[in-house]
């Protein structure tokens, strides 16, 4: 498997909606072009930030096809396919046309809180079903289940098509254990924008970033400078955007990043679908101030 496709700064792409809550495909195409032209290394479609939980099956297909067409294979494309019903995940993988898609991002099963043995069996079944590379996604703050270092390493060593993990546990001890003991070619990616630079300093090889929707060149710069050992330059950029980064998550994701994208007129509306709602007026003004 070519793991070099998935490295550096990736963007967890939002799904723009119009004022009536329908997918705004014009803004979506504009956003895709924005992140690519500003230097993003790869795109993640239909992840958590895309509000995929509120998209219908037909909307997901159209969103993905819009991204594929606008991307035009300029950068690698990852699609989110995950859930807490293993068979449904497998069914989607087996019926998906993966032409022009480079990898799958699959989240730890949520809500039903499987044991490590259950998580291992879940991802083993997915790995055996998938014709393309898989990126594991550990985000215990959302799933209520942590993917342990031992389970990650077992999967990474057993399955050649499990090529990376997006780690958003904020557990540096666990992350360092994975980095220290991972097989060659397996990549550990940050799932937490504010911690990306310190995580790069201990051996991570990239990020799947929310902030990169608005600051693709800045997130790419941080990653490239760190990769080249220029931590002074990376640190300067990290602190330059840190206050905005933190503000974007104050009232949840993707509410903050949509407010920023609207303020910069990259998307037309900051509409979200229930149960998510837009940011408060105070935070909206704070985000606008920090963007200037």
Protein backbone atom coordinates (compact mmCIF):
# COMPACT_ATOMS: atom_id res chain seq x y z
CA UNK A 1 0.00 0.00 0.00
CA UNK A 2 1.24 3.50 -0.86
CA UNK A 3 1.17 5.27 2.49
CA UNK A 4 2.89 8.34 1.04
CA UNK A 5 -0.49 9.45 -0.32
CA UNK A 6 -1.74 10.16 3.20
CA UNK A 7 0.74 12.43 4.96
CA UNK A 8 1.05 16.08 5.86
CA UNK A 9 -1.97 18.32 6.32
CA UNK A 10 -5.38 16.88 5.48
CA UNK A 11 -8.65 18.76 5.83
CA UNK A 12 -11.83 17.41 7.39
CA UNK A 13 -14.16 19.13 4.95
CA UNK A 14 -17.40 20.77 6.11
CA UNK A 15 -20.68 20.41 4.20
CA UNK A 16 -22.09 23.88 3.45
CA UNK A 17 -25.87 24.28 3.69
CA UNK A 18 -28.02 27.08 2.33
CA UNK A 19 -30.36 29.17 4.48
CA UNK A 20 -33.06 26.49 4.16
CA UNK A 21 -30.74 23.72 5.31
CA UNK A 22 -30.18 22.14 1.89
CA UNK A 23 -26.68 21.22 0.72
CA UNK A 24 -25.06 24.20 -1.00
CA UNK A 25 -23.09 22.52 -3.77
CA UNK A 26 -21.81 25.81 -5.18
CA UNK A 27 -20.18 26.67 -1.85
CA UNK A 28 -18.91 23.11 -1.53
CA UNK A 29 -17.09 23.35 -4.87
CA UNK A 30 -15.68 26.74 -3.88
CA UNK A 31 -14.42 25.28 -0.60
CA UNK A 32 -12.76 22.31 -2.30
CA UNK A 33 -10.96 24.62 -4.71
CA UNK A 34 -9.97 26.95 -1.85
CA UNK A 35 -8.25 24.26 0.23
CA UNK A 36 -6.47 22.72 -2.76
CA UNK A 37 -5.23 26.02 -4.17
CA UNK A 38 -4.00 27.01 -0.70
CA UNK A 39 -1.82 23.93 -0.43
CA UNK A 40 -3.71 21.22 1.46
CA UNK A 41 -2.14 17.76 1.07
CA UNK A 42 -5.29 15.63 1.08
CA UNK A 43 -9.06 15.90 1.63
CA UNK A 44 -11.30 13.92 3.98
CA UNK A 45 -14.93 13.81 2.84
CA UNK A 46 -17.96 12.71 4.89
CA UNK A 47 -16.20 12.74 8.25
CA UNK A 48 -17.61 14.07 11.51
CA UNK A 49 -17.01 17.69 10.48
CA UNK A 50 -19.13 17.14 7.37
CA UNK A 51 -22.22 16.53 9.57
CA UNK A 52 -22.48 13.17 7.83
CA UNK A 53 -24.83 11.90 10.55
CA UNK A 54 -27.49 14.30 9.23
CA UNK A 55 -26.97 13.63 5.53
CA UNK A 56 -29.24 11.23 3.68
CA UNK A 57 -27.73 8.43 1.60
CA UNK A 58 -28.49 10.29 -1.63
CA UNK A 59 -27.00 13.52 -0.24
CA UNK A 60 -23.83 11.68 0.76
CA UNK A 61 -23.48 10.33 -2.76
CA UNK A 62 -23.97 13.74 -4.33
CA UNK A 63 -21.63 15.47 -1.84
CA UNK A 64 -18.93 12.87 -2.47
CA UNK A 65 -19.34 13.02 -6.25
CA UNK A 66 -19.18 16.82 -6.15
CA UNK A 67 -15.93 16.68 -4.19
CA UNK A 68 -14.48 14.04 -6.53
CA UNK A 69 -15.31 16.10 -9.60
CA UNK A 70 -14.03 19.39 -8.19
CA UNK A 71 -10.88 17.75 -6.86
CA UNK A 72 -10.08 16.22 -10.24
CA UNK A 73 -7.45 14.00 -8.58
CA UNK A 74 -5.38 17.07 -7.68
CA UNK A 75 -4.90 15.73 -4.13
CA UNK A 76 -5.60 12.35 -2.50
CA UNK A 77 -9.16 11.85 -1.28
CA UNK A 78 -10.26 9.97 1.82
CA UNK A 79 -13.91 9.08 2.52
CA UNK A 80 -15.43 8.48 5.95
CA UNK A 81 -17.15 5.09 6.27
CA UNK A 82 -17.76 4.09 9.86
CA UNK A 83 -20.44 3.17 12.34
CA UNK A 84 -21.46 0.99 15.25
CA UNK A 85 -22.96 -1.78 13.10
CA UNK A 86 -20.03 -3.68 11.61
CA UNK A 87 -22.06 -5.40 8.92
CA UNK A 88 -23.51 -2.13 7.64
CA UNK A 89 -20.00 -0.67 7.39
CA UNK A 90 -18.86 -3.75 5.45
CA UNK A 91 -21.94 -3.54 3.20
CA UNK A 92 -21.16 0.07 2.34
CA UNK A 93 -17.52 -0.75 1.61
CA UNK A 94 -18.45 -3.68 -0.61
CA UNK A 95 -20.94 -1.63 -2.64
CA UNK A 96 -18.92 1.58 -2.88
CA UNK A 97 -17.25 2.59 -6.13
CA UNK A 98 -13.76 3.56 -4.99
CA UNK A 99 -12.64 4.99 -8.30
CA UNK A 100 -10.81 8.27 -7.51
CA UNK A 101 -10.93 7.54 -3.74
CA UNK A 102 -7.61 6.73 -2.08
CA UNK A 103 -8.51 5.57 1.44
CA UNK A 104 -11.28 5.04 3.98
CA UNK A 105 -11.40 6.77 7.38
CA UNK A 106 -13.28 4.56 9.83
CA UNK A 107 -14.17 5.67 13.33
CA UNK A 108 -14.23 3.49 16.43
CA UNK A 109 -17.80 2.20 16.97
CA UNK A 110 -19.77 4.67 19.05
CA UNK A 111 -22.57 4.43 21.63
CA UNK A 112 -22.56 0.64 22.14
CA UNK A 113 -19.11 0.76 23.83
CA UNK A 114 -17.45 -2.45 22.59
CA UNK A 115 -14.53 -4.06 24.43
CA UNK A 116 -11.04 -4.01 22.93
CA UNK A 117 -11.75 -7.51 21.61
CA UNK A 118 -14.89 -6.19 19.92
CA UNK A 119 -13.04 -3.21 18.43
CA UNK A 120 -10.31 -5.54 17.16
CA UNK A 121 -12.88 -7.83 15.55
CA UNK A 122 -14.73 -4.84 14.05
CA UNK A 123 -11.68 -3.40 12.31
CA UNK A 124 -10.40 -6.84 11.32
CA UNK A 125 -13.67 -7.47 9.47
CA UNK A 126 -13.45 -4.07 7.78
CA UNK A 127 -9.83 -4.63 6.76
CA UNK A 128 -10.70 -7.98 5.22
CA UNK A 129 -13.56 -6.40 3.26
CA UNK A 130 -11.86 -3.23 2.03
CA UNK A 131 -10.15 -3.06 -1.38
CA UNK A 132 -8.40 0.21 -0.49
CA UNK A 133 -6.33 1.46 2.49
CA UNK A 134 -7.95 2.15 5.85
CA UNK A 135 -7.22 4.91 8.36
CA UNK A 136 -8.40 4.15 11.89
CA UNK A 137 -10.03 7.03 13.78
CA UNK A 138 -9.82 7.19 17.56
CA UNK A 139 -11.89 9.96 19.15
CA UNK A 140 -13.07 8.72 22.57
CA UNK A 141 -14.57 12.10 23.44
CA UNK A 142 -17.22 11.43 20.80
CA UNK A 143 -17.44 7.63 20.71
CA UNK A 144 -17.13 6.85 24.45
CA UNK A 145 -14.71 4.05 23.49
CA UNK A 146 -10.93 4.34 23.34
CA UNK A 147 -8.89 2.42 20.78
CA UNK A 148 -5.94 1.27 22.89
CA UNK A 149 -2.34 1.34 21.71
CA UNK A 150 -2.18 -2.45 21.96
CA UNK A 151 -5.19 -2.86 19.66
CA UNK A 152 -3.86 -0.28 17.18
CA UNK A 153 -0.50 -2.04 17.00
CA UNK A 154 -2.12 -5.45 16.60
CA UNK A 155 -4.18 -4.18 13.66
CA UNK A 156 -1.30 -2.26 12.09
CA UNK A 157 1.00 -5.29 12.18
CA UNK A 158 -1.61 -7.80 10.97
CA UNK A 159 -3.22 -5.91 8.08
CA UNK A 160 -1.15 -4.25 5.35
CA UNK A 161 -4.15 -2.18 4.25
CA UNK A 162 -4.51 -0.51 7.68
CA UNK A 163 -2.06 2.28 6.94
CA UNK A 164 -2.66 5.00 9.53
CA UNK A 165 -4.58 6.26 12.53
CA UNK A 166 -6.16 9.63 13.18
CA UNK A 167 -5.53 9.97 16.91
CA UNK A 168 -7.76 12.42 18.80
CA UNK A 169 -7.54 11.00 22.31
CA UNK A 170 -5.14 13.73 23.57
CA UNK A 171 -3.41 10.92 25.48
CA UNK A 172 0.28 11.55 24.85
CA UNK A 173 1.37 8.38 26.66
CA UNK A 174 -0.85 6.23 24.45
CA UNK A 175 0.17 8.10 21.30
CA UNK A 176 3.88 7.75 22.08
CA UNK A 177 3.46 4.01 22.59
CA UNK A 178 1.91 3.74 19.13
CA UNK A 179 4.62 5.87 17.52
CA UNK A 180 7.43 3.97 19.24
CA UNK A 181 6.19 0.49 18.32
CA UNK A 182 4.34 0.94 15.02
CA UNK A 183 5.46 -0.97 11.92
CA UNK A 184 7.35 0.87 9.18
CA UNK A 185 5.04 2.84 6.91
CA UNK A 186 2.17 3.10 9.41
CA UNK A 187 1.34 6.78 9.94
CA UNK A 188 0.05 8.46 13.07
CA UNK A 189 -1.95 11.60 12.31
CA UNK A 190 -3.20 14.25 14.71
CA UNK A 191 -6.93 14.64 15.15
CA UNK A 192 -6.59 17.69 17.40
CA UNK A 193 -5.63 20.99 15.76
CA UNK A 194 -4.39 22.71 18.91
CA UNK A 195 -2.07 19.80 19.76
CA UNK A 196 -0.75 19.15 16.26
CA UNK A 197 2.63 20.85 16.67
CA UNK A 198 3.59 19.13 19.95
CA UNK A 199 2.38 15.84 18.49
CA UNK A 200 4.51 16.36 15.38
CA UNK A 201 7.48 16.93 17.67
CA UNK A 202 7.12 13.42 19.15
CA UNK A 203 6.80 11.66 15.82
CA UNK A 204 3.39 12.18 14.26
CA UNK A 205 3.45 12.59 10.48
CA UNK A 206 0.49 14.82 9.77
CA UNK A 207 -2.96 16.00 10.76
CA UNK A 208 -6.57 15.71 9.68
CA UNK A 209 -7.54 19.25 10.47
CA UNK A 210 -10.75 21.21 10.95
CA UNK A 211 -8.91 24.55 10.99
CA UNK A 212 -7.49 23.73 7.54
CA UNK A 213 -10.91 24.56 6.06
CA UNK A 214 -10.10 28.21 6.70
CA UNK A 215 -6.28 28.04 7.01
CA UNK A 216 -5.06 25.29 4.65
CA UNK A 217 -1.76 26.98 3.83
CA UNK A 218 -1.01 27.65 7.50
CA UNK A 219 -1.66 24.06 8.57
CA UNK A 220 0.39 22.78 5.64
CA UNK A 221 3.21 25.16 6.59
CA UNK A 222 3.28 23.90 10.19
CA UNK A 223 3.52 20.31 9.00
CA UNK A 224 6.19 20.94 6.39
CA UNK A 225 8.33 23.06 8.70
CA UNK A 226 8.14 20.40 11.43
CA UNK A 227 8.95 17.65 8.91
CA UNK A 228 12.04 19.60 7.88
CA UNK A 229 13.10 20.12 11.49
CA UNK A 230 12.38 23.87 11.47
CA UNK A 231 10.46 24.02 14.73
CA UNK A 232 11.04 27.76 15.15
CA UNK A 233 9.05 28.49 12.00
CA UNK A 234 6.40 25.89 12.83
CA UNK A 235 6.05 27.24 16.35
CA UNK A 236 5.63 30.82 15.13
CA UNK A 237 2.76 29.79 12.89
CA UNK A 238 1.25 27.55 15.57
CA UNK A 239 1.00 30.44 18.01
CA UNK A 240 -0.16 32.85 15.30
CA UNK A 241 -3.32 30.81 14.72
CA UNK A 242 -3.73 29.21 18.17
CA UNK A 243 -6.23 31.69 19.60
CA UNK A 244 -8.50 31.32 16.58
CA UNK A 245 -8.04 27.54 16.66
CA UNK A 246 -9.28 27.41 20.24
CA UNK A 247 -12.15 29.80 19.52
CA UNK A 248 -13.41 27.63 16.67
CA UNK A 249 -14.15 24.79 19.11
CA UNK A 250 -15.62 26.84 21.97
CA UNK A 251 -19.22 26.06 20.98
CA UNK A 252 -18.65 22.82 19.14
CA UNK A 253 -17.58 21.62 15.72
CA UNK A 254 -18.38 22.46 12.93
CA UNK A 255 -20.27 25.51 14.21
CA UNK A 256 -17.08 27.52 14.76
CA UNK A 257 -15.41 26.69 11.48
CA UNK A 258 -18.60 27.41 9.54
CA UNK A 259 -18.78 30.85 11.18
CA UNK A 260 -15.19 31.49 10.09
CA UNK A 261 -15.82 30.30 6.52
CA UNK A 262 -18.90 32.51 6.28
CA UNK A 263 -16.97 35.50 7.63
CA UNK A 264 -14.36 35.02 4.91
CA UNK A 265 -17.10 34.51 2.28
CA UNK A 266 -15.80 31.07 1.33
CA UNK A 267 -19.28 29.66 1.97
CA UNK A 268 -22.57 31.56 1.73
CA UNK A 269 -24.16 30.51 5.03
CA UNK A 270 -23.06 29.11 8.38
CA UNK A 271 -26.20 26.95 8.63
CA UNK A 272 -25.99 23.65 10.51
CA UNK A 273 -28.52 20.85 10.79
CA UNK A 274 -30.19 20.03 14.08
CA UNK A 275 -29.26 19.00 16.68
CA UNK A 276 -26.32 21.32 15.95
CA UNK A 277 -26.86 25.08 15.95
CA UNK A 278 -24.84 28.10 14.91
CA UNK A 279 -22.47 29.89 17.28
CA UNK A 280 -23.58 32.70 19.56
CA UNK A 281 -23.29 36.28 18.38
CA UNK A 282 -20.45 36.87 20.88
CA UNK A 283 -18.40 34.03 19.47
CA UNK A 284 -19.21 35.04 15.90
CA UNK A 285 -17.79 38.50 16.54
CA UNK A 286 -14.76 37.01 18.29
CA UNK A 287 -14.05 34.77 15.30
CA UNK A 288 -14.36 37.69 12.89
CA UNK A 289 -11.95 39.72 15.02
CA UNK A 290 -9.39 36.92 15.18
CA UNK A 291 -9.55 36.37 11.41
CA UNK A 292 -8.48 39.97 10.74
